[in-house]
Amino acid sequence: MKKIIFLALGFPDASKSTNIYTDLIYEFHKNGHEVLVLAPAVNKEDIGLRKEAGVSVLRVKTLPLFNVGAIKKGIANLLLARQYKKALLNNNIELDFDLILMPTPPITLTSVAAWLKSKTGGKLYLILRDIFPQNAVDLRMMKDKGLLHNYFRKKEEALYTVSDAIGCMSPANVNYVKEHNPNMDFSKLHLLPNWENLPVYKEEIQLDSLVNKYGLKDKFILIFGGNIGKPQKLENIVNLAKNCLDYPEIVFFIIGTGTEKERIFNMAKELKLPNVILENKLPKADYNNLLRIADVGLISLSEDFTIPNFPSKVLSYYGNKIPVLASVDLQTDFGTILEEINSGLWAEAGKTGELKDKLLLLYNNPDLRRTMGQHGYDYMKNNLLPDNAYNTILEKTIS
């Protein structure tokens, strides 16, 4: 049994909801390891050390980190390392960890991760899910080679140096880090694809009530659920919907929140698109059941990226045997991997006509949809479950 600390940013109470990080941490817990999670407190009453679904979680008071402006978010992230270190000391946490797990974002926890490594002698494993600050430059949130960029670039380089092993989402991610960090130790880099538990449904799907509730009778459903921000650039999906008005049975169901939500929702409303359904949030049961009856799962990435992103959202589609339609930039290898797995179709972001052609190919071929959905499910079952990530991390850090 090993003692592990996880430096989290987004870590929900697993008794209420889950994400890829709760799935991973509970895989460690299930296998008998002692885990402590450091994470922000959502509410004042959450502050402090407590058990969440059997795992020790130290919730830390921070400034607002989500759904705030870039300046406020930046200040909050800069203060995190000091707040996390202070919380560990104030709660008399024994610093004897064998493994320190840290995902990006953010990279601002580098100093506390390095401090923990020096205090404990444990290995530091970096779960690289956000190549910052370059993604901020791509999205025009930061000036290339400016003072802020240079500051965070040094943080990024320091993080790669102090990490003992670095798990990247895809081959393109590995190659990007190598190309832009030629002086680092390349032996640290390896593949750590996204992971998620397969869905388990105990209740029978209430298809008729769900269809009536959202007006989906006799509709061909494309679904997008998740963050609506600059990286997703959902204008590409709204423009696709605009170009599909000649197929009234095709509907685009968009659910989510984020910094660009109001603008995207307003865009769809101003265009008066009858084939777009917009929802901020849905009951969890409704969303899960929508995934079960959806015909296609949507992925969208901004064409402005120079870094290769890889959307974790695809796992919920794979788990529900839904084929994927993706509008993505040319830096990511997501489209190539879709083709290799034969689990969906893609077009270059911004090329609405090409994306519509791919959609109509799925629309007109139910057998193709079933085949692609099954291929995605099989690939996830064999390669993208939490135990795959767990085993990779242990193999790279603990002999």
Protein backbone atom coordinates (compact mmCIF):
# COMPACT_ATOMS: atom_id res chain seq x y z
CA MET A 1 0.00 0.00 0.00
CA LYS A 2 1.28 3.45 -0.93
CA LYS A 3 0.46 6.86 0.45
CA ILE A 4 -0.65 9.29 -2.24
CA ILE A 5 -1.57 12.97 -2.40
CA PHE A 6 -3.55 14.43 -5.29
CA LEU A 7 -3.38 18.18 -5.96
CA ALA A 8 -6.76 18.86 -7.52
CA LEU A 9 -8.49 21.83 -9.08
CA GLY A 10 -11.86 20.41 -10.08
CA PHE A 11 -12.73 17.56 -7.73
CA PRO A 12 -16.43 17.09 -6.92
CA ASP A 13 -17.75 15.20 -3.93
CA ALA A 14 -17.91 11.72 -5.45
CA SER A 15 -21.02 10.90 -3.43
CA LYS A 16 -22.82 13.53 -5.52
CA SER A 17 -21.07 13.56 -8.90
CA THR A 18 -17.91 12.29 -10.58
CA ASN A 19 -15.32 13.26 -13.16
CA ILE A 20 -12.19 11.62 -14.55
CA TYR A 21 -10.18 12.55 -11.47
CA THR A 22 -12.63 11.12 -8.96
CA ASP A 23 -12.69 7.95 -11.07
CA LEU A 24 -8.88 7.74 -10.92
CA ILE A 25 -8.58 8.49 -7.22
CA TYR A 26 -11.22 5.93 -6.33
CA GLU A 27 -9.31 3.38 -8.40
CA PHE A 28 -6.32 4.00 -6.12
CA HIS A 29 -8.61 3.81 -3.07
CA LYS A 30 -10.21 0.60 -4.31
CA ASN A 31 -6.78 -0.97 -4.65
CA GLY A 32 -5.92 -0.29 -1.03
CA HIS A 33 -3.80 2.84 -1.25
CA GLU A 34 -4.12 5.67 1.27
CA VAL A 35 -5.12 8.81 -0.61
CA LEU A 36 -5.39 12.45 0.41
CA VAL A 37 -6.96 14.92 -2.03
CA LEU A 38 -6.35 18.67 -1.83
CA ALA A 39 -9.13 20.60 -3.54
CA PRO A 40 -10.90 23.96 -3.38
CA ALA A 41 -13.93 24.32 -1.11
CA VAL A 42 -17.09 25.18 -3.00
CA ASN A 43 -18.85 26.48 0.13
CA LYS A 44 -17.65 27.72 3.52
CA GLU A 45 -19.10 24.68 5.25
CA ASP A 46 -16.91 22.44 3.06
CA ILE A 47 -13.62 23.88 4.35
CA GLY A 48 -11.45 21.38 6.20
CA LEU A 49 -10.54 17.70 6.23
CA ARG A 50 -13.35 15.22 5.70
CA LYS A 51 -14.25 11.89 4.13
CA GLU A 52 -15.98 11.90 0.76
CA ALA A 53 -17.15 8.45 -0.33
CA GLY A 54 -14.44 6.98 1.88
CA VAL A 55 -11.53 9.11 0.64
CA SER A 56 -9.85 11.85 2.70
CA VAL A 57 -10.36 15.25 1.08
CA LEU A 58 -8.90 18.47 2.44
CA ARG A 59 -11.05 21.30 1.12
CA VAL A 60 -9.21 24.63 1.02
CA LYS A 61 -10.61 28.15 1.09
CA THR A 62 -9.70 29.89 -2.17
CA LEU A 63 -10.83 32.79 -4.27
CA PRO A 64 -13.45 31.94 -6.95
CA LEU A 65 -11.81 29.79 -9.64
CA PHE A 66 -14.66 29.12 -12.04
CA ASN A 67 -17.13 31.22 -14.02
CA VAL A 68 -15.21 34.42 -13.29
CA GLY A 69 -13.25 36.80 -15.48
CA ALA A 70 -9.71 36.08 -16.64
CA ILE A 71 -8.07 38.49 -14.17
CA LYS A 72 -9.93 37.15 -11.13
CA LYS A 73 -9.29 33.58 -12.23
CA GLY A 74 -5.61 34.33 -12.75
CA ILE A 75 -5.19 35.84 -9.28
CA ALA A 76 -7.05 32.93 -7.70
CA ASN A 77 -4.79 30.41 -9.44
CA LEU A 78 -1.63 32.30 -8.44
CA LEU A 79 -2.64 32.07 -4.77
CA LEU A 80 -3.43 28.35 -4.85
CA ALA A 81 0.03 26.97 -4.07
CA ARG A 82 0.40 29.12 -0.94
CA GLN A 83 -3.14 28.25 0.19
CA TYR A 84 -2.60 24.53 -0.32
CA LYS A 85 0.72 24.54 1.54
CA LYS A 86 -0.82 26.50 4.42
CA ALA A 87 -3.77 24.09 4.61
CA LEU A 88 -1.45 21.08 4.85
CA LEU A 89 0.54 22.68 7.66
CA ASN A 90 -2.48 24.01 9.58
CA ASN A 91 -4.14 20.60 9.50
CA ASN A 92 -0.96 18.86 10.69
CA ILE A 93 -0.84 16.56 7.68
CA GLU A 94 2.10 14.17 7.94
CA LEU A 95 4.29 14.70 4.88
CA ASP A 96 5.27 11.12 4.07
CA PHE A 97 3.75 10.59 0.63
CA ASP A 98 5.13 8.04 -1.80
CA LEU A 99 3.44 9.61 -4.80
CA ILE A 100 2.32 13.14 -5.65
CA LEU A 101 -0.25 13.38 -8.41
CA MET A 102 -0.78 16.72 -10.12
CA PRO A 103 -2.89 17.43 -13.21
CA THR A 104 -2.80 20.49 -15.42
CA PRO A 105 -4.54 22.85 -15.28
CA PRO A 106 -3.23 24.68 -13.32
CA ILE A 107 0.58 24.92 -13.51
CA THR A 108 0.58 27.36 -10.60
CA LEU A 109 0.74 24.45 -8.15
CA THR A 110 4.28 23.67 -9.29
CA SER A 111 5.87 25.21 -6.19
CA VAL A 112 3.76 23.24 -3.71
CA ALA A 113 4.33 20.05 -5.72
CA ALA A 114 8.10 20.65 -5.64
CA TRP A 115 7.93 21.42 -1.91
CA LEU A 116 6.04 18.18 -1.25
CA LYS A 117 8.56 16.23 -3.30
CA SER A 118 11.47 17.69 -1.32
CA LYS A 119 9.75 17.05 2.01
CA THR A 120 8.58 13.51 1.29
CA GLY A 121 11.00 12.11 -1.26
CA GLY A 122 7.96 10.87 -3.18
CA LYS A 123 7.71 10.71 -6.96
CA LEU A 124 5.85 13.49 -8.76
CA TYR A 125 3.57 12.32 -11.57
CA LEU A 126 2.24 15.02 -13.91
CA ILE A 127 -1.10 14.36 -15.62
CA LEU A 128 -0.67 16.71 -18.58
CA ARG A 129 -4.13 17.75 -19.75
CA ASP A 130 -3.55 21.41 -20.57
CA ILE A 131 -0.43 22.83 -22.26
CA PHE A 132 -0.32 26.25 -20.65
CA PRO A 133 0.51 29.06 -21.34
CA GLN A 134 0.46 28.33 -25.09
CA ASN A 135 -3.26 27.52 -25.07
CA ALA A 136 -3.92 31.00 -23.62
CA VAL A 137 -1.84 32.54 -26.42
CA ASP A 138 -3.79 30.54 -29.03
CA LEU A 139 -7.07 31.85 -27.64
CA ARG A 140 -5.72 35.43 -27.58
CA MET A 141 -6.00 35.59 -23.80
CA MET A 142 -2.28 36.26 -23.46
CA LYS A 143 0.33 37.97 -25.63
CA ASP A 144 2.97 35.69 -27.10
CA LYS A 145 6.42 36.40 -25.60
CA GLY A 146 4.92 39.05 -23.31
CA LEU A 147 5.79 39.40 -19.62
CA LEU A 148 2.89 37.20 -18.48
CA HIS A 149 3.64 34.55 -21.07
CA ASN A 150 7.32 34.46 -20.15
CA TYR A 151 6.46 34.15 -16.45
CA PHE A 152 4.17 31.16 -16.99
CA ARG A 153 6.50 29.60 -19.54
CA LYS A 154 9.20 29.44 -16.86
CA LYS A 155 6.64 27.82 -14.54
CA GLU A 156 5.87 25.27 -17.24
CA GLU A 157 9.54 24.45 -17.78
CA ALA A 158 10.06 24.12 -14.02
CA LEU A 159 7.11 21.74 -13.81
CA TYR A 160 8.53 19.47 -16.50
CA THR A 161 11.90 19.50 -14.73
CA VAL A 162 10.60 18.62 -11.28
CA SER A 163 8.20 15.91 -12.54
CA ASP A 164 9.45 12.32 -12.48
CA ALA A 165 6.96 11.14 -15.09
CA ILE A 166 4.60 12.94 -17.44
CA GLY A 167 1.44 11.35 -18.87
CA CYS A 168 0.24 12.86 -22.16
CA MET A 169 -3.20 12.45 -23.75
CA SER A 170 -2.11 11.40 -27.23
CA PRO A 171 0.95 10.87 -29.46
CA ALA A 172 0.57 14.42 -30.80
CA ASN A 173 0.82 15.74 -27.22
CA VAL A 174 4.04 13.81 -26.65
CA ASN A 175 5.53 15.13 -29.87
CA TYR A 176 4.48 18.71 -29.11
CA VAL A 177 6.13 18.71 -25.68
CA LYS A 178 9.31 17.26 -27.15
CA GLU A 179 9.43 19.78 -29.98
CA HIS A 180 8.91 22.81 -27.75
CA ASN A 181 11.07 21.62 -24.84
CA PRO A 182 14.18 20.16 -26.52
CA ASN A 183 16.28 20.30 -23.35
CA MET A 184 13.96 18.24 -21.16
CA ASP A 185 14.36 14.55 -20.36
CA PHE A 186 12.18 12.86 -23.00
CA SER A 187 12.18 9.57 -21.08
CA LYS A 188 9.65 11.11 -18.69
CA LEU A 189 7.04 11.36 -21.46
CA HIS A 190 4.56 8.61 -22.23
CA LEU A 191 0.93 8.07 -23.17
CA LEU A 192 -1.78 8.42 -20.55
CA PRO A 193 -5.05 8.61 -22.53
CA ASN A 194 -8.18 10.00 -20.88
CA TRP A 195 -10.22 7.53 -18.87
CA GLU A 196 -13.72 7.08 -17.49
CA ASN A 197 -15.89 4.33 -16.03
CA LEU A 198 -18.38 2.71 -18.34
CA PRO A 199 -21.94 3.85 -17.56
CA VAL A 200 -24.07 1.60 -15.40
CA TYR A 201 -27.82 2.03 -15.68
CA LYS A 202 -30.04 0.41 -13.10
CA GLU A 203 -33.31 1.99 -14.13
CA GLU A 204 -35.23 1.36 -17.33
CA ILE A 205 -35.05 4.26 -19.73
CA GLN A 206 -38.23 6.33 -19.82
CA LEU A 207 -37.97 7.04 -23.52
CA ASP A 208 -41.46 8.38 -24.15
CA SER A 209 -41.45 10.82 -21.25
CA LEU A 210 -38.00 12.12 -22.18
CA VAL A 211 -38.94 12.52 -25.82
CA ASN A 212 -42.10 14.42 -24.90
CA LYS A 213 -40.33 16.56 -22.29
CA TYR A 214 -37.83 17.96 -24.80
CA GLY A 215 -39.84 17.73 -28.02
CA LEU A 216 -37.72 15.01 -29.58
CA LYS A 217 -40.37 12.83 -31.22
CA ASP A 218 -39.18 11.57 -34.61
CA LYS A 219 -35.99 13.62 -34.30
CA PHE A 220 -32.42 12.76 -35.21
CA ILE A 221 -30.52 13.93 -32.11
CA LEU A 222 -27.00 15.38 -32.02
CA ILE A 223 -25.90 16.10 -28.47
CA PHE A 224 -23.24 18.32 -26.91
CA GLY A 225 -22.92 18.48 -23.14
CA GLY A 226 -20.17 20.21 -21.20
CA ASN A 227 -18.11 23.34 -20.94
CA ILE A 228 -18.92 26.13 -23.40
CA GLY A 229 -15.78 28.24 -23.60
CA LYS A 230 -13.33 29.59 -26.12
CA PRO A 231 -11.56 26.22 -26.57
CA GLN A 232 -14.83 24.60 -27.72
CA LYS A 233 -15.75 27.38 -30.17
CA LEU A 234 -19.37 26.26 -30.49
CA GLU A 235 -19.96 28.79 -33.26
CA ASN A 236 -18.91 25.91 -35.50
CA ILE A 237 -21.81 23.80 -34.24
CA VAL A 238 -24.34 26.64 -34.40
CA ASN A 239 -23.27 27.35 -37.99
CA LEU A 240 -23.72 23.67 -38.78
CA ALA A 241 -27.25 23.82 -37.37
CA LYS A 242 -27.94 26.88 -39.54
CA ASN A 243 -26.85 24.89 -42.58
CA CYS A 244 -29.07 21.91 -41.70
CA LEU A 245 -32.43 23.72 -41.72
CA ASP A 246 -33.31 21.76 -44.86
CA TYR A 247 -33.42 18.65 -42.64
CA PRO A 248 -36.07 19.62 -40.03
CA GLU A 249 -35.86 16.25 -38.28
CA ILE A 250 -32.23 16.90 -37.29
CA VAL A 251 -31.90 18.66 -33.92
CA PHE A 252 -28.86 19.93 -32.02
CA PHE A 253 -29.20 19.55 -28.25
CA ILE A 254 -26.62 21.78 -26.52
CA ILE A 255 -26.25 21.64 -22.73
CA GLY A 256 -23.62 23.47 -20.74
CA THR A 257 -22.19 26.45 -18.93
CA GLY A 258 -18.98 28.40 -19.33
CA THR A 259 -17.50 31.74 -20.27
CA GLU A 260 -18.95 31.68 -23.81
CA LYS A 261 -22.35 30.25 -22.95
CA GLU A 262 -24.31 33.49 -23.07
CA ARG A 263 -22.77 34.50 -26.36
CA ILE A 264 -23.38 31.13 -27.99
CA PHE A 265 -26.96 30.93 -26.67
CA ASN A 266 -27.63 34.48 -27.90
CA MET A 267 -26.17 33.63 -31.29
CA ALA A 268 -28.51 30.66 -31.69
CA LYS A 269 -31.49 32.71 -30.54
CA GLU A 270 -30.71 35.64 -32.84
CA LEU A 271 -30.48 33.26 -35.79
CA LYS A 272 -33.88 31.85 -34.72
CA LEU A 273 -32.81 28.28 -35.26
CA PRO A 274 -35.73 25.92 -34.59
CA ASN A 275 -33.38 22.93 -34.72
CA VAL A 276 -31.30 23.99 -31.69
CA ILE A 277 -32.30 23.13 -28.11
CA LEU A 278 -30.39 25.05 -25.45
CA GLU A 279 -30.18 24.08 -21.78
CA ASN A 280 -27.94 25.38 -18.98
CA LYS A 281 -28.19 22.24 -16.91
CA LEU A 282 -30.26 19.08 -16.92
CA PRO A 283 -31.12 16.59 -14.21
CA LYS A 284 -28.37 13.98 -14.27
CA ALA A 285 -30.85 11.22 -15.11
CA ASP A 286 -32.16 13.23 -18.06
CA TYR A 287 -28.69 13.83 -19.46
CA ASN A 288 -27.67 10.19 -19.07
CA ASN A 289 -30.83 9.05 -20.80
CA LEU A 290 -30.36 11.59 -23.56
CA LEU A 291 -26.96 10.05 -24.20
CA ARG A 292 -28.67 6.69 -24.50
CA ILE A 293 -31.11 7.86 -27.15
CA ALA A 294 -28.90 10.35 -29.00
CA ASP A 295 -27.88 9.44 -32.53
CA VAL A 296 -24.56 11.32 -32.64
CA GLY A 297 -22.23 12.92 -30.08
CA LEU A 298 -20.69 16.29 -30.96
CA ILE A 299 -17.11 17.44 -30.41
CA SER A 300 -15.91 20.95 -31.20
CA LEU A 301 -12.43 22.48 -30.87
CA SER A 302 -11.26 25.91 -31.93
CA GLU A 303 -9.30 26.08 -35.17
CA ASP A 304 -7.03 28.67 -33.53
CA PHE A 305 -5.15 26.08 -31.47
CA THR A 306 -1.50 25.43 -32.19
CA ILE A 307 -1.40 22.82 -29.42
CA PRO A 308 -2.96 19.36 -29.79
CA ASN A 309 -5.99 19.12 -27.49
CA PHE A 310 -7.88 15.90 -26.91
CA PRO A 311 -11.47 16.18 -25.62
CA SER A 312 -12.38 13.92 -22.69
CA LYS A 313 -16.05 14.42 -23.56
CA VAL A 314 -15.76 11.69 -26.18
CA LEU A 315 -15.68 9.06 -23.42
CA SER A 316 -19.34 9.61 -22.54
CA TYR A 317 -20.18 9.01 -26.20
CA TYR A 318 -18.06 5.87 -26.40
CA GLY A 319 -19.60 4.55 -23.20
CA ASN A 320 -23.09 4.95 -24.65
CA LYS A 321 -22.18 3.51 -28.09
CA ILE A 322 -22.76 6.82 -29.88
CA PRO A 323 -20.80 7.64 -33.06
CA VAL A 324 -18.87 10.91 -32.96
CA LEU A 325 -19.05 13.93 -35.25
CA ALA A 326 -16.13 16.28 -34.64
CA SER A 327 -15.19 19.78 -35.76
CA VAL A 328 -11.52 20.03 -34.81
CA ASP A 329 -8.31 21.89 -35.58
CA LEU A 330 -5.47 20.33 -37.56
CA GLN A 331 -3.00 20.29 -34.66
CA THR A 332 -4.85 17.60 -32.73
CA ASP A 333 -4.65 13.94 -33.67
CA PHE A 334 -8.17 13.39 -32.35
CA GLY A 335 -9.62 13.10 -35.87
CA THR A 336 -6.93 10.65 -36.92
CA ILE A 337 -7.59 8.48 -33.88
CA LEU A 338 -11.34 8.58 -34.60
CA GLU A 339 -10.54 7.19 -38.04
CA GLU A 340 -8.17 4.54 -36.68
CA ILE A 341 -10.78 3.31 -34.22
CA ASN A 342 -13.57 3.78 -36.80
CA SER A 343 -15.69 5.42 -34.11
CA GLY A 344 -16.74 8.63 -35.86
CA LEU A 345 -16.20 11.24 -38.54
CA TRP A 346 -14.54 14.66 -38.47
CA ALA A 347 -13.93 17.82 -40.48
CA GLU A 348 -11.55 20.70 -40.09
CA ALA A 349 -12.98 23.34 -37.75
CA GLY A 350 -14.59 26.18 -39.66
CA LYS A 351 -15.40 24.10 -42.75
CA THR A 352 -19.16 23.92 -42.25
CA GLY A 353 -19.94 22.38 -45.64
CA GLU A 354 -17.55 19.49 -45.09
CA LEU A 355 -18.89 18.95 -41.58
CA LYS A 356 -22.45 18.83 -42.94
CA ASP A 357 -21.43 16.21 -45.50
CA LYS A 358 -20.02 14.04 -42.70
CA LEU A 359 -23.19 14.54 -40.66
CA LEU A 360 -25.40 13.48 -43.57
CA LEU A 361 -23.28 10.38 -44.05
CA LEU A 362 -24.11 9.39 -40.48
CA TYR A 363 -27.72 10.52 -40.83
CA ASN A 364 -28.32 8.36 -43.89
CA ASN A 365 -26.52 5.24 -42.62
CA PRO A 366 -27.94 3.72 -39.42
CA ASP A 367 -25.73 0.64 -39.82
CA LEU A 368 -22.65 2.87 -39.95
CA ARG A 369 -23.78 4.63 -36.78
CA ARG A 370 -24.25 1.33 -34.96
CA THR A 371 -20.88 0.01 -36.13
CA MET A 372 -19.01 3.16 -35.12
CA GLY A 373 -20.79 3.32 -31.79
CA GLN A 374 -19.82 -0.28 -31.02
CA HIS A 375 -16.21 0.32 -32.07
CA GLY A 376 -15.94 3.29 -29.72
CA TYR A 377 -17.43 1.26 -26.88
CA ASP A 378 -15.05 -1.66 -27.46
CA TYR A 379 -12.04 0.64 -27.64
CA MET A 380 -13.00 2.35 -24.39
CA LYS A 381 -13.63 -0.97 -22.64
CA ASN A 382 -10.19 -2.23 -23.61
CA ASN A 383 -8.10 0.94 -23.27
CA LEU A 384 -9.79 3.88 -21.54
CA LEU A 385 -11.01 2.72 -18.15
CA PRO A 386 -9.63 4.09 -14.85
CA ASP A 387 -7.70 0.89 -14.18
CA ASN A 388 -5.70 1.48 -17.38
CA ALA A 389 -4.64 4.93 -16.11
CA TYR A 390 -4.00 3.56 -12.62
CA ASN A 391 -1.71 0.82 -13.91
CA THR A 392 0.19 3.20 -16.18
CA ILE A 393 0.85 5.64 -13.33
CA LEU A 394 2.07 2.92 -10.98
CA GLU A 395 4.27 1.40 -13.68
CA LYS A 396 5.96 4.75 -14.31
CA THR A 397 6.46 5.81 -10.68
CA ILE A 398 6.45 2.94 -8.21
CA SER A 399 8.66 -0.08 -8.67
